[in-house]
Amino acid sequence: MHELSVTQNIIKICTEEANNHDVKVVKSINLHIGELSGLIPQCIQYYFDIASKGTPVQGAKLVIEKIPVEISCSSCGYNGKLEKGKYSCPVCNSFEVKITKGREFMINSMEVD
C-alpha cells in the first residue's frame, strides 16, 4: 500500500517541475525502480491513473526501468549482478557481500510538450 504515497509524491514532484518550467503537458515520466525497493510497478501505474487527474501529469505514460540487484563481495572482490533468489556471492559463495544496486527509486526524467 505504500505505492499510493510514493505515487502521490511522483505526481507532486513532476507537477512542481512542470509548473516551474511553464510546461502544460507531461507526456512521460521515466522511473528507475530497484528490484529490492519493494515497489510494484503495476500498483504505481494504477494509483497514478487515478491520482493524477486534473494535474499537468494526467495522461502521462510511466516508463519504468527495473534496476537489477548488484553486489560487491568483500571476500573475493566480485562486483556484479546477483541471481534472483541467491544471497551469496556467485563466485565464492560468501555472504560477506554489500548490495550496491537494486534499492533505487527515482524519477529519472520527464518528456514534455
PDB file of N, CA and C in Angstrom:
ATOM      1  N   MET A   1       0.815  -1.203   0.000  1.00  0.00           N
ATOM      2  CA  MET A   1       0.000   0.000   0.000  1.00  0.00           C
ATOM      3  C   MET A   1       0.856   1.264   0.000  1.00  0.00           C
ATOM      4  N   HIS A   2       2.167   1.135   0.261  1.00  0.00           N
ATOM      5  CA  HIS A   2       2.997   2.336   0.252  1.00  0.00           C
ATOM      6  C   HIS A   2       3.168   2.891  -1.149  1.00  0.00           C
ATOM      7  N   GLU A   3       2.712   2.162  -2.179  1.00  0.00           N
ATOM      8  CA  GLU A   3       2.758   2.672  -3.540  1.00  0.00           C
ATOM      9  C   GLU A   3       1.901   3.924  -3.697  1.00  0.00           C
ATOM     10  N   LEU A   4       0.815   4.033  -2.929  1.00  0.00           N
ATOM     11  CA  LEU A   4      -0.045   5.218  -3.025  1.00  0.00           C
ATOM     12  C   LEU A   4       0.727   6.475  -2.633  1.00  0.00           C
ATOM     13  N   SER A   5       1.406   6.455  -1.497  1.00  0.00           N
ATOM     14  CA  SER A   5       2.146   7.651  -1.075  1.00  0.00           C
ATOM     15  C   SER A   5       3.318   7.932  -2.009  1.00  0.00           C
ATOM     16  N   VAL A   6       3.970   6.887  -2.499  1.00  0.00           N
ATOM     17  CA  VAL A   6       5.058   7.067  -3.461  1.00  0.00           C
ATOM     18  C   VAL A   6       4.516   7.718  -4.729  1.00  0.00           C
ATOM     19  N   THR A   7       3.381   7.232  -5.212  1.00  0.00           N
ATOM     20  CA  THR A   7       2.772   7.768  -6.425  1.00  0.00           C
ATOM     21  C   THR A   7       2.350   9.225  -6.230  1.00  0.00           C
ATOM     22  N   GLN A   8       1.799   9.538  -5.071  1.00  0.00           N
ATOM     23  CA  GLN A   8       1.420  10.924  -4.789  1.00  0.00           C
ATOM     24  C   GLN A   8       2.646  11.837  -4.818  1.00  0.00           C
ATOM     25  N   ASN A   9       3.775  11.340  -4.330  1.00  0.00           N
ATOM     26  CA  ASN A   9       5.000  12.139  -4.373  1.00  0.00           C
ATOM     27  C   ASN A   9       5.529  12.295  -5.792  1.00  0.00           C
ATOM     28  N   ILE A  10       5.409  11.261  -6.622  1.00  0.00           N
ATOM     29  CA  ILE A  10       5.800  11.372  -8.026  1.00  0.00           C
ATOM     30  C   ILE A  10       4.987  12.488  -8.683  1.00  0.00           C
ATOM     31  N   ILE A  11       3.692  12.459  -8.466  1.00  0.00           N
ATOM     32  CA  ILE A  11       2.801  13.462  -9.050  1.00  0.00           C
ATOM     33  C   ILE A  11       3.158  14.854  -8.549  1.00  0.00           C
ATOM     34  N   LYS A  12       3.399  14.973  -7.258  1.00  0.00           N
ATOM     35  CA  LYS A  12       3.736  16.274  -6.662  1.00  0.00           C
ATOM     36  C   LYS A  12       5.035  16.821  -7.253  1.00  0.00           C
ATOM     37  N   ILE A  13       6.064  16.010  -7.287  1.00  0.00           N
ATOM     38  CA  ILE A  13       7.369  16.450  -7.787  1.00  0.00           C
ATOM     39  C   ILE A  13       7.278  16.834  -9.261  1.00  0.00           C
ATOM     40  N   CYS A  14       6.653  15.981 -10.062  1.00  0.00           N
ATOM     41  CA  CYS A  14       6.561  16.249 -11.504  1.00  0.00           C
ATOM     42  C   CYS A  14       5.672  17.451 -11.800  1.00  0.00           C
ATOM     43  N   THR A  15       4.607  17.630 -11.036  1.00  0.00           N
ATOM     44  CA  THR A  15       3.742  18.798 -11.205  1.00  0.00           C
ATOM     45  C   THR A  15       4.497  20.076 -10.859  1.00  0.00           C
ATOM     46  N   GLU A  16       5.259  20.054  -9.758  1.00  0.00           N
ATOM     47  CA  GLU A  16       6.056  21.228  -9.377  1.00  0.00           C
ATOM     48  C   GLU A  16       7.075  21.578 -10.461  1.00  0.00           C
ATOM     49  N   GLU A  17       7.742  20.560 -10.995  1.00  0.00           N
ATOM     50  CA  GLU A  17       8.723  20.801 -12.062  1.00  0.00           C
ATOM     51  C   GLU A  17       8.046  21.344 -13.318  1.00  0.00           C
ATOM     52  N   ALA A  18       6.896  20.783 -13.659  1.00  0.00           N
ATOM     53  CA  ALA A  18       6.156  21.272 -14.822  1.00  0.00           C
ATOM     54  C   ALA A  18       5.765  22.733 -14.630  1.00  0.00           C
ATOM     55  N   ASN A  19       5.259  23.072 -13.450  1.00  0.00           N
ATOM     56  CA  ASN A  19       4.875  24.458 -13.165  1.00  0.00           C
ATOM     57  C   ASN A  19       6.080  25.394 -13.166  1.00  0.00           C
ATOM     58  N   ASN A  20       7.206  24.945 -12.635  1.00  0.00           N
ATOM     59  CA  ASN A  20       8.421  25.775 -12.597  1.00  0.00           C
ATOM     60  C   ASN A  20       8.952  26.093 -13.984  1.00  0.00           C
ATOM     61  N   HIS A  21       8.632  25.236 -14.955  1.00  0.00           N
ATOM     62  CA  HIS A  21       9.169  25.410 -16.310  1.00  0.00           C
ATOM     63  C   HIS A  21       8.067  25.725 -17.329  1.00  0.00           C
ATOM     64  N   ASP A  22       6.905  26.170 -16.834  1.00  0.00           N
ATOM     65  CA  ASP A  22       5.771  26.534 -17.693  1.00  0.00           C
ATOM     66  C   ASP A  22       5.385  25.428 -18.675  1.00  0.00           C
ATOM     67  N   VAL A  23       5.436  24.194 -18.211  1.00  0.00           N
ATOM     68  CA  VAL A  23       5.056  23.047 -19.032  1.00  0.00           C
ATOM     69  C   VAL A  23       3.564  22.792 -18.821  1.00  0.00           C
ATOM     70  N   LYS A  24       2.857  22.647 -19.917  1.00  0.00           N
ATOM     71  CA  LYS A  24       1.414  22.393 -19.836  1.00  0.00           C
ATOM     72  C   LYS A  24       1.082  20.906 -19.865  1.00  0.00           C
ATOM     73  N   VAL A  25       1.908  20.119 -20.595  1.00  0.00           N
ATOM     74  CA  VAL A  25       1.617  18.687 -20.742  1.00  0.00           C
ATOM     75  C   VAL A  25       2.898  17.877 -20.515  1.00  0.00           C
ATOM     76  N   VAL A  26       2.790  16.897 -19.632  1.00  0.00           N
ATOM     77  CA  VAL A  26       3.876  15.939 -19.425  1.00  0.00           C
ATOM     78  C   VAL A  26       3.485  14.673 -20.170  1.00  0.00           C
ATOM     79  N   LYS A  27       4.310  14.276 -21.144  1.00  0.00           N
ATOM     80  CA  LYS A  27       3.989  13.114 -21.973  1.00  0.00           C
ATOM     81  C   LYS A  27       4.401  11.806 -21.314  1.00  0.00           C
ATOM     82  N   SER A  28       5.562  11.800 -20.675  1.00  0.00           N
ATOM     83  CA  SER A  28       6.000  10.571 -19.997  1.00  0.00           C
ATOM     84  C   SER A  28       6.900  10.909 -18.822  1.00  0.00           C
ATOM     85  N   ILE A  29       6.919   9.995 -17.867  1.00  0.00           N
ATOM     86  CA  ILE A  29       7.763  10.103 -16.676  1.00  0.00           C
ATOM     87  C   ILE A  29       8.580   8.822 -16.610  1.00  0.00           C
ATOM     88  N   ASN A  30       9.890   8.974 -16.601  1.00  0.00           N
ATOM     89  CA  ASN A  30      10.795   7.822 -16.593  1.00  0.00           C
ATOM     90  C   ASN A  30      11.281   7.567 -15.167  1.00  0.00           C
ATOM     91  N   LEU A  31      10.983   6.380 -14.669  1.00  0.00           N
ATOM     92  CA  LEU A  31      11.325   5.997 -13.302  1.00  0.00           C
ATOM     93  C   LEU A  31      12.353   4.878 -13.305  1.00  0.00           C
ATOM     94  N   HIS A  32      13.242   4.888 -12.311  1.00  0.00           N
ATOM     95  CA  HIS A  32      14.149   3.768 -12.053  1.00  0.00           C
ATOM     96  C   HIS A  32      13.704   3.151 -10.737  1.00  0.00           C
ATOM     97  N   ILE A  33      13.392   1.862 -10.775  1.00  0.00           N
ATOM     98  CA  ILE A  33      12.922   1.161  -9.575  1.00  0.00           C
ATOM     99  C   ILE A  33      13.768  -0.088  -9.375  1.00  0.00           C
ATOM    100  N   GLY A  34      14.476  -0.150  -8.259  1.00  0.00           N
ATOM    101  CA  GLY A  34      15.299  -1.305  -7.935  1.00  0.00           C
ATOM    102  C   GLY A  34      14.451  -2.515  -7.565  1.00  0.00           C
ATOM    103  N   GLU A  35      14.971  -3.689  -7.897  1.00  0.00           N
ATOM    104  CA  GLU A  35      14.244  -4.926  -7.595  1.00  0.00           C
ATOM    105  C   GLU A  35      14.010  -5.124  -6.109  1.00  0.00           C
ATOM    106  N   LEU A  36      14.861  -4.536  -5.272  1.00  0.00           N
ATOM    107  CA  LEU A  36      14.702  -4.684  -3.824  1.00  0.00           C
ATOM    108  C   LEU A  36      13.925  -3.531  -3.180  1.00  0.00           C
ATOM    109  N   SER A  37      13.404  -2.624  -3.990  1.00  0.00           N
ATOM    110  CA  SER A  37      12.699  -1.461  -3.442  1.00  0.00           C
ATOM    111  C   SER A  37      11.383  -1.838  -2.784  1.00  0.00           C
ATOM    112  N   GLY A  38      10.836  -2.979  -3.174  1.00  0.00           N
ATOM    113  CA  GLY A  38       9.549  -3.392  -2.623  1.00  0.00           C
ATOM    114  C   GLY A  38       8.364  -2.748  -3.330  1.00  0.00           C
ATOM    115  N   LEU A  39       8.619  -1.962  -4.360  1.00  0.00           N
ATOM    116  CA  LEU A  39       7.549  -1.282  -5.081  1.00  0.00           C
ATOM    117  C   LEU A  39       7.058  -2.145  -6.240  1.00  0.00           C
ATOM    118  N   ILE A  40       5.758  -2.124  -6.442  1.00  0.00           N
ATOM    119  CA  ILE A  40       5.136  -2.904  -7.511  1.00  0.00           C
ATOM    120  C   ILE A  40       4.711  -1.933  -8.610  1.00  0.00           C
ATOM    121  N   PRO A  41       5.385  -1.999  -9.770  1.00  0.00           N
ATOM    122  CA  PRO A  41       5.086  -1.057 -10.854  1.00  0.00           C
ATOM    123  C   PRO A  41       3.618  -0.991 -11.252  1.00  0.00           C
ATOM    124  N   GLN A  42       2.915  -2.121 -11.281  1.00  0.00           N
ATOM    125  CA  GLN A  42       1.508  -2.121 -11.664  1.00  0.00           C
ATOM    126  C   GLN A  42       0.662  -1.308 -10.679  1.00  0.00           C
ATOM    127  N   CYS A  43       1.010  -1.362  -9.404  1.00  0.00           N
ATOM    128  CA  CYS A  43       0.278  -0.586  -8.392  1.00  0.00           C
ATOM    129  C   CYS A  43       0.552   0.906  -8.565  1.00  0.00           C
ATOM    130  N   ILE A  44       1.795   1.250  -8.855  1.00  0.00           N
ATOM    131  CA  ILE A  44       2.131   2.654  -9.082  1.00  0.00           C
ATOM    132  C   ILE A  44       1.332   3.177 -10.273  1.00  0.00           C
ATOM    133  N   GLN A  45       1.276   2.413 -11.342  1.00  0.00           N
ATOM    134  CA  GLN A  45       0.518   2.829 -12.532  1.00  0.00           C
ATOM    135  C   GLN A  45      -0.960   2.991 -12.193  1.00  0.00           C
ATOM    136  N   TYR A  46      -1.513   2.054 -11.452  1.00  0.00           N
ATOM    137  CA  TYR A  46      -2.927   2.102 -11.073  1.00  0.00           C
ATOM    138  C   TYR A  46      -3.234   3.379 -10.290  1.00  0.00           C
ATOM    139  N   TYR A  47      -2.441   3.654  -9.247  1.00  0.00           N
ATOM    140  CA  TYR A  47      -2.664   4.845  -8.435  1.00  0.00           C
ATOM    141  C   TYR A  47      -2.393   6.121  -9.232  1.00  0.00           C
ATOM    142  N   PHE A  48      -1.409   6.073 -10.112  1.00  0.00           N
ATOM    143  CA  PHE A  48      -1.071   7.246 -10.925  1.00  0.00           C
ATOM    144  C   PHE A  48      -2.257   7.640 -11.804  1.00  0.00           C
ATOM    145  N   ASP A  49      -2.882   6.664 -12.437  1.00  0.00           N
ATOM    146  CA  ASP A  49      -4.012   6.942 -13.326  1.00  0.00           C
ATOM    147  C   ASP A  49      -5.158   7.629 -12.586  1.00  0.00           C
ATOM    148  N   ILE A  50      -5.344   7.293 -11.333  1.00  0.00           N
ATOM    149  CA  ILE A  50      -6.421   7.879 -10.535  1.00  0.00           C
ATOM    150  C   ILE A  50      -6.012   9.231  -9.948  1.00  0.00           C
ATOM    151  N   ALA A  51      -4.854   9.268  -9.303  1.00  0.00           N
ATOM    152  CA  ALA A  51      -4.451  10.456  -8.537  1.00  0.00           C
ATOM    153  C   ALA A  51      -3.943  11.614  -9.392  1.00  0.00           C
ATOM    154  N   SER A  52      -3.596  11.361 -10.643  1.00  0.00           N
ATOM    155  CA  SER A  52      -3.043  12.434 -11.477  1.00  0.00           C
ATOM    156  C   SER A  52      -4.113  13.260 -12.178  1.00  0.00           C
ATOM    157  N   LYS A  53      -5.381  12.879 -12.047  1.00  0.00           N
ATOM    158  CA  LYS A  53      -6.451  13.611 -12.726  1.00  0.00           C
ATOM    159  C   LYS A  53      -6.455  15.079 -12.308  1.00  0.00           C
ATOM    160  N   GLY A  54      -6.542  15.939 -13.318  1.00  0.00           N
ATOM    161  CA  GLY A  54      -6.581  17.376 -13.066  1.00  0.00           C
ATOM    162  C   GLY A  54      -5.215  18.017 -12.869  1.00  0.00           C
ATOM    163  N   THR A  55      -4.147  17.260 -13.077  1.00  0.00           N
ATOM    164  CA  THR A  55      -2.787  17.796 -12.923  1.00  0.00           C
ATOM    165  C   THR A  55      -2.090  17.823 -14.288  1.00  0.00           C
ATOM    166  N   PRO A  56      -0.977  18.543 -14.407  1.00  0.00           N
ATOM    167  CA  PRO A  56      -0.239  18.547 -15.675  1.00  0.00           C
ATOM    168  C   PRO A  56       0.296  17.168 -16.083  1.00  0.00           C
ATOM    169  N   VAL A  57       0.341  16.227 -15.161  1.00  0.00           N
ATOM    170  CA  VAL A  57       0.863  14.895 -15.491  1.00  0.00           C
ATOM    171  C   VAL A  57      -0.240  13.895 -15.857  1.00  0.00           C
ATOM    172  N   GLN A  58      -1.489  14.355 -15.819  1.00  0.00           N
ATOM    173  CA  GLN A  58      -2.595  13.468 -16.192  1.00  0.00           C
ATOM    174  C   GLN A  58      -2.367  12.939 -17.597  1.00  0.00           C
ATOM    175  N   GLY A  59      -2.487  11.636 -17.763  1.00  0.00           N
ATOM    176  CA  GLY A  59      -2.322  11.005 -19.060  1.00  0.00           C
ATOM    177  C   GLY A  59      -0.878  10.686 -19.428  1.00  0.00           C
ATOM    178  N   ALA A  60       0.065  11.099 -18.590  1.00  0.00           N
ATOM    179  CA  ALA A  60       1.472  10.797 -18.878  1.00  0.00           C
ATOM    180  C   ALA A  60       1.699   9.294 -18.789  1.00  0.00           C
ATOM    181  N   LYS A  61       2.597   8.824 -19.628  1.00  0.00           N
ATOM    182  CA  LYS A  61       2.965   7.409 -19.604  1.00  0.00           C
ATOM    183  C   LYS A  61       4.089   7.218 -18.593  1.00  0.00           C
ATOM    184  N   LEU A  62       3.944   6.243 -17.721  1.00  0.00           N
ATOM    185  CA  LEU A  62       5.024   5.895 -16.798  1.00  0.00           C
ATOM    186  C   LEU A  62       5.911   4.864 -17.474  1.00  0.00           C
ATOM    187  N   VAL A  63       7.176   5.212 -17.629  1.00  0.00           N
ATOM    188  CA  VAL A  63       8.153   4.303 -18.219  1.00  0.00           C
ATOM    189  C   VAL A  63       9.047   3.847 -17.076  1.00  0.00           C
ATOM    190  N   ILE A  64       8.943   2.573 -16.730  1.00  0.00           N
ATOM    191  CA  ILE A  64       9.629   2.060 -15.548  1.00  0.00           C
ATOM    192  C   ILE A  64      10.771   1.140 -15.962  1.00  0.00           C
ATOM    193  N   GLU A  65      11.966   1.510 -15.530  1.00  0.00           N
ATOM    194  CA  GLU A  65      13.141   0.665 -15.753  1.00  0.00           C
ATOM    195  C   GLU A  65      13.473  -0.023 -14.433  1.00  0.00           C
ATOM    196  N   LYS A  66      13.428  -1.344 -14.446  1.00  0.00           N
ATOM    197  CA  LYS A  66      13.766  -2.105 -13.233  1.00  0.00           C
ATOM    198  C   LYS A  66      15.280  -2.237 -13.144  1.00  0.00           C
ATOM    199  N   ILE A  67      15.806  -1.933 -11.972  1.00  0.00           N
ATOM    200  CA  ILE A  67      17.250  -1.993 -11.734  1.00  0.00           C
ATOM    201  C   ILE A  67      17.548  -3.312 -11.019  1.00  0.00           C
ATOM    202  N   PRO A  68      18.368  -4.179 -11.638  1.00  0.00           N
ATOM    203  CA  PRO A  68      18.676  -5.470 -11.020  1.00  0.00           C
ATOM    204  C   PRO A  68      19.605  -5.307  -9.808  1.00  0.00           C
ATOM    205  N   VAL A  69      19.613  -6.323  -8.976  1.00  0.00           N
ATOM    206  CA  VAL A  69      20.458  -6.334  -7.781  1.00  0.00           C
ATOM    207  C   VAL A  69      21.906  -6.584  -8.196  1.00  0.00           C
ATOM    208  N   GLU A  70      22.797  -5.745  -7.675  1.00  0.00           N
ATOM    209  CA  GLU A  70      24.230  -5.948  -7.860  1.00  0.00           C
ATOM    210  C   GLU A  70      24.897  -5.904  -6.495  1.00  0.00           C
ATOM    211  N   ILE A  71      25.999  -6.655  -6.371  1.00  0.00           N
ATOM    212  CA  ILE A  71      26.710  -6.751  -5.103  1.00  0.00           C
ATOM    213  C   ILE A  71      28.202  -6.509  -5.291  1.00  0.00           C
ATOM    214  N   SER A  72      28.836  -6.296  -4.159  1.00  0.00           N
ATOM    215  CA  SER A  72      30.291  -6.260  -4.082  1.00  0.00           C
ATOM    216  C   SER A  72      30.674  -7.244  -2.978  1.00  0.00           C
ATOM    217  N   CYS A  73      31.514  -8.230  -3.308  1.00  0.00           N
ATOM    218  CA  CYS A  73      31.911  -9.258  -2.343  1.00  0.00           C
ATOM    219  C   CYS A  73      33.232  -8.855  -1.697  1.00  0.00           C
ATOM    220  N   SER A  74      33.248  -8.779  -0.379  1.00  0.00           N
ATOM    221  CA  SER A  74      34.480  -8.412   0.322  1.00  0.00           C
ATOM    222  C   SER A  74      35.429  -9.605   0.458  1.00  0.00           C
ATOM    223  N   SER A  75      34.947 -10.818   0.196  1.00  0.00           N
ATOM    224  CA  SER A  75      35.811 -11.997   0.291  1.00  0.00           C
ATOM    225  C   SER A  75      36.671 -12.202  -0.951  1.00  0.00           C
ATOM    226  N   CYS A  76      36.057 -12.103  -2.130  1.00  0.00           N
ATOM    227  CA  CYS A  76      36.815 -12.385  -3.360  1.00  0.00           C
ATOM    228  C   CYS A  76      36.945 -11.182  -4.290  1.00  0.00           C
ATOM    229  N   GLY A  77      36.221 -10.100  -3.981  1.00  0.00           N
ATOM    230  CA  GLY A  77      36.305  -8.902  -4.808  1.00  0.00           C
ATOM    231  C   GLY A  77      35.334  -8.850  -5.976  1.00  0.00           C
ATOM    232  N   TYR A  78      34.449  -9.832  -6.083  1.00  0.00           N
ATOM    233  CA  TYR A  78      33.466  -9.839  -7.173  1.00  0.00           C
ATOM    234  C   TYR A  78      32.576  -8.611  -7.095  1.00  0.00           C
ATOM    235  N   ASN A  79      32.343  -7.993  -8.248  1.00  0.00           N
ATOM    236  CA  ASN A  79      31.393  -6.889  -8.379  1.00  0.00           C
ATOM    237  C   ASN A  79      30.496  -7.224  -9.553  1.00  0.00           C
ATOM    238  N   GLY A  80      29.206  -7.366  -9.297  1.00  0.00           N
ATOM    239  CA  GLY A  80      28.304  -7.660 -10.397  1.00  0.00           C
ATOM    240  C   GLY A  80      26.930  -8.076  -9.934  1.00  0.00           C
ATOM    241  N   LYS A  81      26.186  -8.617 -10.877  1.00  0.00           N
ATOM    242  CA  LYS A  81      24.794  -8.974 -10.630  1.00  0.00           C
ATOM    243  C   LYS A  81      24.678 -10.185  -9.714  1.00  0.00           C
ATOM    244  N   LEU A  82      23.573 -10.188  -9.004  1.00  0.00           N
ATOM    245  CA  LEU A  82      23.228 -11.290  -8.110  1.00  0.00           C
ATOM    246  C   LEU A  82      22.003 -11.970  -8.690  1.00  0.00           C
ATOM    247  N   GLU A  83      22.047 -13.276  -8.809  1.00  0.00           N
ATOM    248  CA  GLU A  83      20.921 -14.019  -9.344  1.00  0.00           C
ATOM    249  C   GLU A  83      19.731 -13.930  -8.396  1.00  0.00           C
ATOM    250  N   LYS A  84      18.519 -13.922  -8.984  1.00  0.00           N
ATOM    251  CA  LYS A  84      17.308 -13.890  -8.169  1.00  0.00           C
ATOM    252  C   LYS A  84      17.268 -15.116  -7.274  1.00  0.00           C
ATOM    253  N   GLY A  85      16.895 -14.910  -6.025  1.00  0.00           N
ATOM    254  CA  GLY A  85      16.786 -15.998  -5.073  1.00  0.00           C
ATOM    255  C   GLY A  85      18.105 -16.409  -4.435  1.00  0.00           C
ATOM    256  N   LYS A  86      19.203 -15.805  -4.847  1.00  0.00           N
ATOM    257  CA  LYS A  86      20.527 -16.107  -4.277  1.00  0.00           C
ATOM    258  C   LYS A  86      20.918 -14.957  -3.350  1.00  0.00           C
ATOM    259  N   TYR A  87      21.610 -15.296  -2.283  1.00  0.00           N
ATOM    260  CA  TYR A  87      22.005 -14.280  -1.317  1.00  0.00           C
ATOM    261  C   TYR A  87      23.501 -14.301  -1.023  1.00  0.00           C
ATOM    262  N   SER A  88      24.227 -15.129  -1.760  1.00  0.00           N
ATOM    263  CA  SER A  88      25.670 -15.221  -1.563  1.00  0.00           C
ATOM    264  C   SER A  88      26.375 -14.885  -2.882  1.00  0.00           C
ATOM    265  N   CYS A  89      27.666 -14.642  -2.781  1.00  0.00           N
ATOM    266  CA  CYS A  89      28.483 -14.320  -3.948  1.00  0.00           C
ATOM    267  C   CYS A  89      28.433 -15.473  -4.951  1.00  0.00           C
ATOM    268  N   PRO A  90      28.189 -15.184  -6.226  1.00  0.00           N
ATOM    269  CA  PRO A  90      28.130 -16.256  -7.220  1.00  0.00           C
ATOM    270  C   PRO A  90      29.500 -16.865  -7.539  1.00  0.00           C
ATOM    271  N   VAL A  91      30.582 -16.222  -7.101  1.00  0.00           N
ATOM    272  CA  VAL A  91      31.925 -16.722  -7.374  1.00  0.00           C
ATOM    273  C   VAL A  91      32.432 -17.601  -6.229  1.00  0.00           C
ATOM    274  N   CYS A  92      32.356 -17.070  -4.988  1.00  0.00           N
ATOM    275  CA  CYS A  92      32.952 -17.796  -3.854  1.00  0.00           C
ATOM    276  C   CYS A  92      31.926 -18.270  -2.819  1.00  0.00           C
ATOM    277  N   ASN A  93      30.653 -17.967  -3.029  1.00  0.00           N
ATOM    278  CA  ASN A  93      29.555 -18.338  -2.129  1.00  0.00           C
ATOM    279  C   ASN A  93      29.603 -17.659  -0.757  1.00  0.00           C
ATOM    280  N   SER A  94      30.397 -16.626  -0.621  1.00  0.00           N
ATOM    281  CA  SER A  94      30.477 -15.883   0.631  1.00  0.00           C
ATOM    282  C   SER A  94      29.209 -15.058   0.839  1.00  0.00           C
ATOM    283  N   PHE A  95      28.865 -14.876   2.111  1.00  0.00           N
ATOM    284  CA  PHE A  95      27.752 -13.998   2.461  1.00  0.00           C
ATOM    285  C   PHE A  95      28.263 -12.613   2.863  1.00  0.00           C
ATOM    286  N   GLU A  96      29.549 -12.391   2.726  1.00  0.00           N
ATOM    287  CA  GLU A  96      30.163 -11.095   3.049  1.00  0.00           C
ATOM    288  C   GLU A  96      30.029 -10.180   1.839  1.00  0.00           C
ATOM    289  N   VAL A  97      28.785  -9.814   1.530  1.00  0.00           N
ATOM    290  CA  VAL A  97      28.521  -9.001   0.352  1.00  0.00           C
ATOM    291  C   VAL A  97      27.812  -7.711   0.746  1.00  0.00           C
ATOM    292  N   LYS A  98      28.020  -6.703  -0.079  1.00  0.00           N
ATOM    293  CA  LYS A  98      27.346  -5.422   0.102  1.00  0.00           C
ATOM    294  C   LYS A  98      26.504  -5.184  -1.141  1.00  0.00           C
ATOM    295  N   ILE A  99      25.246  -4.819  -0.944  1.00  0.00           N
ATOM    296  CA  ILE A  99      24.367  -4.522  -2.072  1.00  0.00           C
ATOM    297  C   ILE A  99      24.733  -3.137  -2.588  1.00  0.00           C
ATOM    298  N   THR A 100      25.084  -3.057  -3.871  1.00  0.00           N
ATOM    299  CA  THR A 100      25.482  -1.781  -4.462  1.00  0.00           C
ATOM    300  C   THR A 100      24.415  -1.200  -5.389  1.00  0.00           C
ATOM    301  N   LYS A 101      23.504  -2.020  -5.877  1.00  0.00           N
ATOM    302  CA  LYS A 101      22.389  -1.571  -6.720  1.00  0.00           C
ATOM    303  C   LYS A 101      21.187  -2.453  -6.451  1.00  0.00           C
ATOM    304  N   GLY A 102      20.015  -1.876  -6.729  1.00  0.00           N
ATOM    305  CA  GLY A 102      18.787  -2.659  -6.601  1.00  0.00           C
ATOM    306  C   GLY A 102      17.812  -2.121  -5.586  1.00  0.00           C
ATOM    307  N   ARG A 103      18.210  -1.100  -4.836  1.00  0.00           N
ATOM    308  CA  ARG A 103      17.298  -0.488  -3.852  1.00  0.00           C
ATOM    309  C   ARG A 103      16.772   0.864  -4.330  1.00  0.00           C
ATOM    310  N   GLU A 104      17.196   1.285  -5.514  1.00  0.00           N
ATOM    311  CA  GLU A 104      16.883   2.610  -6.007  1.00  0.00           C
ATOM    312  C   GLU A 104      15.391   2.826  -6.226  1.00  0.00           C
ATOM    313  N   PHE A 105      15.010   4.061  -6.104  1.00  0.00           N
ATOM    314  CA  PHE A 105      13.735   4.529  -6.585  1.00  0.00           C
ATOM    315  C   PHE A 105      13.915   6.005  -6.890  1.00  0.00           C
ATOM    316  N   MET A 106      13.793   6.359  -8.171  1.00  0.00           N
ATOM    317  CA  MET A 106      13.983   7.762  -8.525  1.00  0.00           C
ATOM    318  C   MET A 106      13.246   8.112  -9.806  1.00  0.00           C
ATOM    319  N   ILE A 107      12.909   9.389  -9.901  1.00  0.00           N
ATOM    320  CA  ILE A 107      12.397   9.937 -11.147  1.00  0.00           C
ATOM    321  C   ILE A 107      13.610  10.290 -11.957  1.00  0.00           C
ATOM    322  N   ASN A 108      13.803   9.626 -13.078  1.00  0.00           N
ATOM    323  CA  ASN A 108      14.990   9.846 -13.905  1.00  0.00           C
ATOM    324  C   ASN A 108      14.818  11.047 -14.830  1.00  0.00           C
ATOM    325  N   SER A 109      13.650  11.144 -15.472  1.00  0.00           N
ATOM    326  CA  SER A 109      13.412  12.256 -16.395  1.00  0.00           C
ATOM    327  C   SER A 109      11.925  12.329 -16.747  1.00  0.00           C
ATOM    328  N   MET A 110      11.572  13.434 -17.431  1.00  0.00           N
ATOM    329  CA  MET A 110      10.215  13.612 -17.938  1.00  0.00           C
ATOM    330  C   MET A 110      10.303  14.060 -19.389  1.00  0.00           C
ATOM    331  N   GLU A 111       9.368  13.584 -20.202  1.00  0.00           N
ATOM    332  CA  GLU A 111       9.246  14.088 -21.567  1.00  0.00           C
ATOM    333  C   GLU A 111       8.029  15.007 -21.579  1.00  0.00           C
ATOM    334  N   VAL A 112       8.215  16.213 -22.072  1.00  0.00           N
ATOM    335  CA  VAL A 112       7.159  17.221 -22.006  1.00  0.00           C
ATOM    336  C   VAL A 112       6.884  17.840 -23.372  1.00  0.00           C
ATOM    337  N   ASP A 113       5.738  18.501 -23.456  1.00  0.00           N
ATOM    338  CA  ASP A 113       5.391  19.285 -24.654  1.00  0.00           C
ATOM    339  C   ASP A 113       5.529  20.756 -24.330  1.00  0.00           C
TER     340      ASP A 113
END
